[in-house]
């Protein structure tokens, strides 16, 4: 009887240790998913900002060309 009880306790302890390893694996998966979602969110934010910067550069370039044309007409 004691051997059976000891074997049951040993099995319980071993299964508890292996369950801890699964939670670490799940935690790693959760961290990977969180990192991926964060990168996607950052890209989603950066795209409109980069487009706005390009439009601003084009606008400044056009204004510069218009000013050059005005200066040439005055001369």
PDB file of N, CA and C in Angstrom:
ATOM      1  N   UNK A   1       0.818  -1.194   0.000  1.00  0.00           N
ATOM      2  CA  UNK A   1       0.000   0.000   0.000  1.00  0.00           C
ATOM      3  C   UNK A   1       0.861   1.257   0.000  1.00  0.00           C
ATOM      4  N   UNK A   2       1.936   1.237   0.818  1.00  0.00           N
ATOM      5  CA  UNK A   2       2.813   2.391   0.891  1.00  0.00           C
ATOM      6  C   UNK A   2       3.510   2.622  -0.454  1.00  0.00           C
ATOM      7  N   UNK A   3       3.888   1.527  -1.127  1.00  0.00           N
ATOM      8  CA  UNK A   3       4.555   1.663  -2.418  1.00  0.00           C
ATOM      9  C   UNK A   3       3.621   2.272  -3.452  1.00  0.00           C
ATOM     10  N   UNK A   4       2.358   1.882  -3.410  1.00  0.00           N
ATOM     11  CA  UNK A   4       1.371   2.419  -4.342  1.00  0.00           C
ATOM     12  C   UNK A   4       1.151   3.908  -4.086  1.00  0.00           C
ATOM     13  N   UNK A   5       1.065   4.281  -2.826  1.00  0.00           N
ATOM     14  CA  UNK A   5       0.906   5.689  -2.462  1.00  0.00           C
ATOM     15  C   UNK A   5       2.142   6.488  -2.865  1.00  0.00           C
ATOM     16  N   UNK A   6       3.326   5.945  -2.642  1.00  0.00           N
ATOM     17  CA  UNK A   6       4.571   6.606  -3.016  1.00  0.00           C
ATOM     18  C   UNK A   6       4.656   6.765  -4.537  1.00  0.00           C
ATOM     19  N   UNK A   7       4.252   5.764  -5.271  1.00  0.00           N
ATOM     20  CA  UNK A   7       4.261   5.826  -6.733  1.00  0.00           C
ATOM     21  C   UNK A   7       3.278   6.892  -7.229  1.00  0.00           C
ATOM     22  N   UNK A   8       2.107   6.974  -6.599  1.00  0.00           N
ATOM     23  CA  UNK A   8       1.116   7.976  -6.990  1.00  0.00           C
ATOM     24  C   UNK A   8       1.643   9.383  -6.730  1.00  0.00           C
ATOM     25  N   UNK A   9       2.286   9.588  -5.599  1.00  0.00           N
ATOM     26  CA  UNK A   9       2.851  10.899  -5.273  1.00  0.00           C
ATOM     27  C   UNK A   9       3.961  11.247  -6.256  1.00  0.00           C
ATOM     28  N   UNK A  10       4.807  10.272  -6.583  1.00  0.00           N
ATOM     29  CA  UNK A  10       5.886  10.502  -7.526  1.00  0.00           C
ATOM     30  C   UNK A  10       5.333  10.882  -8.907  1.00  0.00           C
ATOM     31  N   UNK A  11       4.292  10.199  -9.341  1.00  0.00           N
ATOM     32  CA  UNK A  11       3.660  10.533 -10.626  1.00  0.00           C
ATOM     33  C   UNK A  11       3.066  11.944 -10.593  1.00  0.00           C
ATOM     34  N   UNK A  12       2.444  12.288  -9.484  1.00  0.00           N
ATOM     35  CA  UNK A  12       1.856  13.617  -9.347  1.00  0.00           C
ATOM     36  C   UNK A  12       2.933  14.697  -9.429  1.00  0.00           C
ATOM     37  N   UNK A  13       4.061  14.466  -8.747  1.00  0.00           N
ATOM     38  CA  UNK A  13       5.152  15.444  -8.763  1.00  0.00           C
ATOM     39  C   UNK A  13       5.732  15.582 -10.170  1.00  0.00           C
ATOM     40  N   UNK A  14       5.923  14.463 -10.853  1.00  0.00           N
ATOM     41  CA  UNK A  14       6.472  14.507 -12.216  1.00  0.00           C
ATOM     42  C   UNK A  14       5.523  15.228 -13.170  1.00  0.00           C
ATOM     43  N   UNK A  15       4.238  14.972 -13.025  1.00  0.00           N
ATOM     44  CA  UNK A  15       3.286  15.634 -13.919  1.00  0.00           C
ATOM     45  C   UNK A  15       3.203  17.124 -13.617  1.00  0.00           C
ATOM     46  N   UNK A  16       3.391  17.501 -12.369  1.00  0.00           N
ATOM     47  CA  UNK A  16       3.379  18.920 -12.014  1.00  0.00           C
ATOM     48  C   UNK A  16       4.590  19.622 -12.622  1.00  0.00           C
ATOM     49  N   UNK A  17       5.722  18.967 -12.652  1.00  0.00           N
ATOM     50  CA  UNK A  17       6.919  19.565 -13.246  1.00  0.00           C
ATOM     51  C   UNK A  17       6.760  19.730 -14.747  1.00  0.00           C
ATOM     52  N   UNK A  18       6.185  18.744 -15.401  1.00  0.00           N
ATOM     53  CA  UNK A  18       6.027  18.857 -16.848  1.00  0.00           C
ATOM     54  C   UNK A  18       4.960  19.888 -17.200  1.00  0.00           C
ATOM     55  N   UNK A  19       3.985  20.086 -16.347  1.00  0.00           N
ATOM     56  CA  UNK A  19       2.966  21.111 -16.599  1.00  0.00           C
ATOM     57  C   UNK A  19       3.593  22.489 -16.547  1.00  0.00           C
ATOM     58  N   UNK A  20       4.578  22.686 -15.710  1.00  0.00           N
ATOM     59  CA  UNK A  20       5.274  23.959 -15.637  1.00  0.00           C
ATOM     60  C   UNK A  20       6.009  24.266 -16.931  1.00  0.00           C
ATOM     61  N   UNK A  21       6.542  23.246 -17.578  1.00  0.00           N
ATOM     62  CA  UNK A  21       7.236  23.443 -18.852  1.00  0.00           C
ATOM     63  C   UNK A  21       6.256  23.877 -19.934  1.00  0.00           C
ATOM     64  N   UNK A  22       5.052  23.350 -19.916  1.00  0.00           N
ATOM     65  CA  UNK A  22       4.057  23.747 -20.904  1.00  0.00           C
ATOM     66  C   UNK A  22       3.669  25.207 -20.738  1.00  0.00           C
ATOM     67  N   UNK A  23       3.568  25.665 -19.500  1.00  0.00           N
ATOM     68  CA  UNK A  23       3.201  27.063 -19.293  1.00  0.00           C
ATOM     69  C   UNK A  23       4.316  27.987 -19.787  1.00  0.00           C
ATOM     70  N   UNK A  24       5.565  27.537 -19.668  1.00  0.00           N
ATOM     71  CA  UNK A  24       6.672  28.331 -20.208  1.00  0.00           C
ATOM     72  C   UNK A  24       6.578  28.403 -21.727  1.00  0.00           C
ATOM     73  N   UNK A  25       6.222  27.288 -22.339  1.00  0.00           N
ATOM     74  CA  UNK A  25       6.067  27.274 -23.794  1.00  0.00           C
ATOM     75  C   UNK A  25       4.917  28.178 -24.216  1.00  0.00           C
ATOM     76  N   UNK A  26       3.823  28.107 -23.464  1.00  0.00           N
ATOM     77  CA  UNK A  26       2.686  28.974 -23.766  1.00  0.00           C
ATOM     78  C   UNK A  26       3.058  30.434 -23.561  1.00  0.00           C
ATOM     79  N   UNK A  27       3.822  30.706 -22.537  1.00  0.00           N
ATOM     80  CA  UNK A  27       4.244  32.078 -22.278  1.00  0.00           C
ATOM     81  C   UNK A  27       5.103  32.575 -23.431  1.00  0.00           C
ATOM     82  N   UNK A  28       5.965  31.722 -23.938  1.00  0.00           N
ATOM     83  CA  UNK A  28       6.787  32.093 -25.088  1.00  0.00           C
ATOM     84  C   UNK A  28       5.938  32.382 -26.298  1.00  0.00           C
ATOM     85  N   UNK A  29       4.897  31.575 -26.522  1.00  0.00           N
ATOM     86  CA  UNK A  29       4.000  31.798 -27.648  1.00  0.00           C
ATOM     87  C   UNK A  29       3.245  33.107 -27.480  1.00  0.00           C
ATOM     88  N   UNK A  30       2.819  33.385 -26.265  1.00  0.00           N
ATOM     89  CA  UNK A  30       2.086  34.629 -25.997  1.00  0.00           C
ATOM     90  C   UNK A  30       2.999  35.827 -26.230  1.00  0.00           C
ATOM     91  N   UNK A  31       4.240  35.723 -25.767  1.00  0.00           N
ATOM     92  CA  UNK A  31       5.186  36.823 -25.979  1.00  0.00           C
ATOM     93  C   UNK A  31       5.457  37.035 -27.465  1.00  0.00           C
ATOM     94  N   UNK A  32       5.586  35.940 -28.229  1.00  0.00           N
ATOM     95  CA  UNK A  32       5.807  36.050 -29.668  1.00  0.00           C
ATOM     96  C   UNK A  32       4.607  36.709 -30.336  1.00  0.00           C
ATOM     97  N   UNK A  33       3.415  36.291 -29.942  1.00  0.00           N
ATOM     98  CA  UNK A  33       2.203  36.868 -30.518  1.00  0.00           C
ATOM     99  C   UNK A  33       2.102  38.350 -30.176  1.00  0.00           C
ATOM    100  N   UNK A  34       2.403  38.686 -28.939  1.00  0.00           N
ATOM    101  CA  UNK A  34       2.352  40.086 -28.503  1.00  0.00           C
ATOM    102  C   UNK A  34       3.356  40.924 -29.285  1.00  0.00           C
ATOM    103  N   UNK A  35       4.544  40.376 -29.485  1.00  0.00           N
ATOM    104  CA  UNK A  35       5.562  41.099 -30.240  1.00  0.00           C
ATOM    105  C   UNK A  35       5.125  41.299 -31.690  1.00  0.00           C
ATOM    106  N   UNK A  36       4.538  40.265 -32.280  1.00  0.00           N
ATOM    107  CA  UNK A  36       4.076  40.366 -33.666  1.00  0.00           C
ATOM    108  C   UNK A  36       2.969  41.410 -33.799  1.00  0.00           C
ATOM    109  N   UNK A  37       2.029  41.394 -32.887  1.00  0.00           N
ATOM    110  CA  UNK A  37       0.932  42.369 -32.921  1.00  0.00           C
ATOM    111  C   UNK A  37       1.478  43.779 -32.730  1.00  0.00           C
ATOM    112  N   UNK A  38       2.441  43.921 -31.852  1.00  0.00           N
ATOM    113  CA  UNK A  38       3.055  45.234 -31.636  1.00  0.00           C
ATOM    114  C   UNK A  38       3.749  45.752 -32.884  1.00  0.00           C
ATOM    115  N   UNK A  39       4.467  44.867 -33.580  1.00  0.00           N
ATOM    116  CA  UNK A  39       5.144  45.275 -34.817  1.00  0.00           C
ATOM    117  C   UNK A  39       4.130  45.685 -35.882  1.00  0.00           C
ATOM    118  N   UNK A  40       3.056  44.911 -35.989  1.00  0.00           N
ATOM    119  CA  UNK A  40       2.022  45.240 -36.972  1.00  0.00           C
ATOM    120  C   UNK A  40       1.356  46.573 -36.648  1.00  0.00           C
ATOM    121  N   UNK A  41       1.128  46.816 -35.369  1.00  0.00           N
ATOM    122  CA  UNK A  41       0.524  48.090 -34.963  1.00  0.00           C
ATOM    123  C   UNK A  41       1.465  49.248 -35.267  1.00  0.00           C
ATOM    124  N   UNK A  42       2.748  49.058 -35.002  1.00  0.00           N
ATOM    125  CA  UNK A  42       3.727  50.106 -35.281  1.00  0.00           C
ATOM    126  C   UNK A  42       3.795  50.398 -36.776  1.00  0.00           C
ATOM    127  N   UNK A  43       3.765  49.351 -37.594  1.00  0.00           N
ATOM    128  CA  UNK A  43       3.772  49.546 -39.048  1.00  0.00           C
ATOM    129  C   UNK A  43       2.509  50.281 -39.494  1.00  0.00           C
ATOM    130  N   UNK A  44       1.378  49.932 -38.890  1.00  0.00           N
ATOM    131  CA  UNK A  44       0.121  50.591 -39.225  1.00  0.00           C
ATOM    132  C   UNK A  44       0.149  52.078 -38.904  1.00  0.00           C
ATOM    133  N   UNK A  45       0.877  52.433 -37.880  1.00  0.00           N
ATOM    134  CA  UNK A  45       0.993  53.842 -37.498  1.00  0.00           C
ATOM    135  C   UNK A  45       2.015  54.553 -38.378  1.00  0.00           C
ATOM    136  N   UNK A  46       3.095  53.864 -38.709  1.00  0.00           N
ATOM    137  CA  UNK A  46       4.174  54.482 -39.480  1.00  0.00           C
ATOM    138  C   UNK A  46       3.781  54.764 -40.926  1.00  0.00           C
ATOM    139  N   UNK A  47       2.954  53.912 -41.522  1.00  0.00           N
ATOM    140  CA  UNK A  47       2.591  54.095 -42.932  1.00  0.00           C
ATOM    141  C   UNK A  47       1.967  55.463 -43.200  1.00  0.00           C
ATOM    142  N   UNK A  48       0.913  55.856 -42.497  1.00  0.00           N
ATOM    143  CA  UNK A  48       0.333  57.180 -42.768  1.00  0.00           C
ATOM    144  C   UNK A  48       1.300  58.324 -42.474  1.00  0.00           C
ATOM    145  N   UNK A  49       2.119  58.153 -41.455  1.00  0.00           N
ATOM    146  CA  UNK A  49       3.086  59.198 -41.117  1.00  0.00           C
ATOM    147  C   UNK A  49       4.102  59.349 -42.246  1.00  0.00           C
ATOM    148  N   UNK A  50       4.591  58.221 -42.773  1.00  0.00           N
ATOM    149  CA  UNK A  50       5.554  58.285 -43.873  1.00  0.00           C
ATOM    150  C   UNK A  50       4.922  58.883 -45.125  1.00  0.00           C
ATOM    151  N   UNK A  51       3.661  58.553 -45.388  1.00  0.00           N
ATOM    152  CA  UNK A  51       2.970  59.146 -46.537  1.00  0.00           C
ATOM    153  C   UNK A  51       2.833  60.657 -46.369  1.00  0.00           C
ATOM    154  N   UNK A  52       2.505  61.084 -45.179  1.00  0.00           N
ATOM    155  CA  UNK A  52       2.372  62.522 -44.916  1.00  0.00           C
ATOM    156  C   UNK A  52       3.716  63.224 -45.089  1.00  0.00           C
ATOM    157  N   UNK A  53       4.801  62.582 -44.673  1.00  0.00           N
ATOM    158  CA  UNK A  53       6.128  63.180 -44.850  1.00  0.00           C
ATOM    159  C   UNK A  53       6.472  63.317 -46.328  1.00  0.00           C
ATOM    160  N   UNK A  54       6.143  62.300 -47.122  1.00  0.00           N
ATOM    161  CA  UNK A  54       6.415  62.362 -48.565  1.00  0.00           C
ATOM    162  C   UNK A  54       5.610  63.481 -49.219  1.00  0.00           C
ATOM    163  N   UNK A  55       4.354  63.607 -48.829  1.00  0.00           N
ATOM    164  CA  UNK A  55       3.517  64.674 -49.380  1.00  0.00           C
ATOM    165  C   UNK A  55       4.078  66.036 -48.994  1.00  0.00           C
ATOM    166  N   UNK A  56       4.541  66.164 -47.765  1.00  0.00           N
ATOM    167  CA  UNK A  56       5.133  67.421 -47.312  1.00  0.00           C
ATOM    168  C   UNK A  56       6.391  67.750 -48.115  1.00  0.00           C
ATOM    169  N   UNK A  57       7.214  66.753 -48.368  1.00  0.00           N
ATOM    170  CA  UNK A  57       8.417  66.976 -49.168  1.00  0.00           C
ATOM    171  C   UNK A  57       8.062  67.427 -50.578  1.00  0.00           C
ATOM    172  N   UNK A  58       7.061  66.772 -51.184  1.00  0.00           N
ATOM    173  CA  UNK A  58       6.629  67.159 -52.528  1.00  0.00           C
ATOM    174  C   UNK A  58       6.098  68.590 -52.542  1.00  0.00           C
ATOM    175  N   UNK A  59       5.331  68.933 -51.524  1.00  0.00           N
ATOM    176  CA  UNK A  59       4.773  70.286 -51.451  1.00  0.00           C
ATOM    177  C   UNK A  59       5.892  71.322 -51.333  1.00  0.00           C
ATOM    178  N   UNK A  60       6.866  71.045 -50.495  1.00  0.00           N
ATOM    179  CA  UNK A  60       7.997  71.980 -50.340  1.00  0.00           C
ATOM    180  C   UNK A  60       8.784  72.099 -51.643  1.00  0.00           C
ATOM    181  N   UNK A  61       8.946  70.978 -52.329  1.00  0.00           N
ATOM    182  CA  UNK A  61       9.666  70.993 -53.600  1.00  0.00           C
ATOM    183  C   UNK A  61       8.925  71.838 -54.634  1.00  0.00           C
ATOM    184  N   UNK A  62       7.620  71.684 -54.699  1.00  0.00           N
ATOM    185  CA  UNK A  62       6.816  72.462 -55.647  1.00  0.00           C
ATOM    186  C   UNK A  62       6.841  73.954 -55.316  1.00  0.00           C
ATOM    187  N   UNK A  63       6.762  74.270 -54.036  1.00  0.00           N
ATOM    188  CA  UNK A  63       6.828  75.674 -53.629  1.00  0.00           C
ATOM    189  C   UNK A  63       8.181  76.252 -54.021  1.00  0.00           C
ATOM    190  N   UNK A  64       9.236  75.489 -53.827  1.00  0.00           N
ATOM    191  CA  UNK A  64      10.571  75.959 -54.210  1.00  0.00           C
ATOM    192  C   UNK A  64      10.666  76.210 -55.708  1.00  0.00           C
ATOM    193  N   UNK A  65      10.091  75.314 -56.507  1.00  0.00           N
ATOM    194  CA  UNK A  65      10.105  75.512 -57.962  1.00  0.00           C
ATOM    195  C   UNK A  65       9.290  76.736 -58.363  1.00  0.00           C
ATOM    196  N   UNK A  66       8.168  76.958 -57.699  1.00  0.00           N
ATOM    197  CA  UNK A  66       7.342  78.127 -57.992  1.00  0.00           C
ATOM    198  C   UNK A  66       8.100  79.408 -57.645  1.00  0.00           C
ATOM    199  N   UNK A  67       8.789  79.411 -56.531  1.00  0.00           N
ATOM    200  CA  UNK A  67       9.568  80.586 -56.140  1.00  0.00           C
ATOM    201  C   UNK A  67      10.697  80.846 -57.128  1.00  0.00           C
ATOM    202  N   UNK A  68      11.333  79.788 -57.608  1.00  0.00           N
ATOM    203  CA  UNK A  68      12.387  79.951 -58.608  1.00  0.00           C
ATOM    204  C   UNK A  68      11.817  80.532 -59.907  1.00  0.00           C
ATOM    205  N   UNK A  69      10.639  80.060 -60.305  1.00  0.00           N
ATOM    206  CA  UNK A  69       9.997  80.563 -61.520  1.00  0.00           C
ATOM    207  C   UNK A  69       9.656  82.037 -61.366  1.00  0.00           C
ATOM    208  N   UNK A  70       9.172  82.427 -60.205  1.00  0.00           N
ATOM    209  CA  UNK A  70       8.850  83.836 -59.942  1.00  0.00           C
ATOM    210  C   UNK A  70      10.111  84.688 -60.004  1.00  0.00           C
ATOM    211  N   UNK A  71      11.188  84.188 -59.430  1.00  0.00           N
ATOM    212  CA  UNK A  71      12.446  84.939 -59.440  1.00  0.00           C
ATOM    213  C   UNK A  71      12.954  85.114 -60.880  1.00  0.00           C
ATOM    214  N   UNK A  72      12.800  84.105 -61.685  1.00  0.00           N
ATOM    215  CA  UNK A  72      13.247  84.192 -63.088  1.00  0.00           C
ATOM    216  C   UNK A  72      12.396  85.170 -63.879  1.00  0.00           C
ATOM    217  N   UNK A  73      11.106  85.220 -63.593  1.00  0.00           N
ATOM    218  CA  UNK A  73      10.229  86.147 -64.288  1.00  0.00           C
ATOM    219  C   UNK A  73      10.555  87.595 -63.925  1.00  0.00           C
ATOM    220  N   UNK A  74      10.954  87.821 -62.697  1.00  0.00           N
ATOM    221  CA  UNK A  74      11.268  89.183 -62.237  1.00  0.00           C
ATOM    222  C   UNK A  74      12.553  89.694 -62.866  1.00  0.00           C
ATOM    223  N   UNK A  75      13.410  88.830 -63.254  1.00  0.00           N
ATOM    224  CA  UNK A  75      14.695  89.279 -63.804  1.00  0.00           C
ATOM    225  C   UNK A  75      14.567  89.624 -65.212  1.00  0.00           C
TER     226      UNK A  75
END
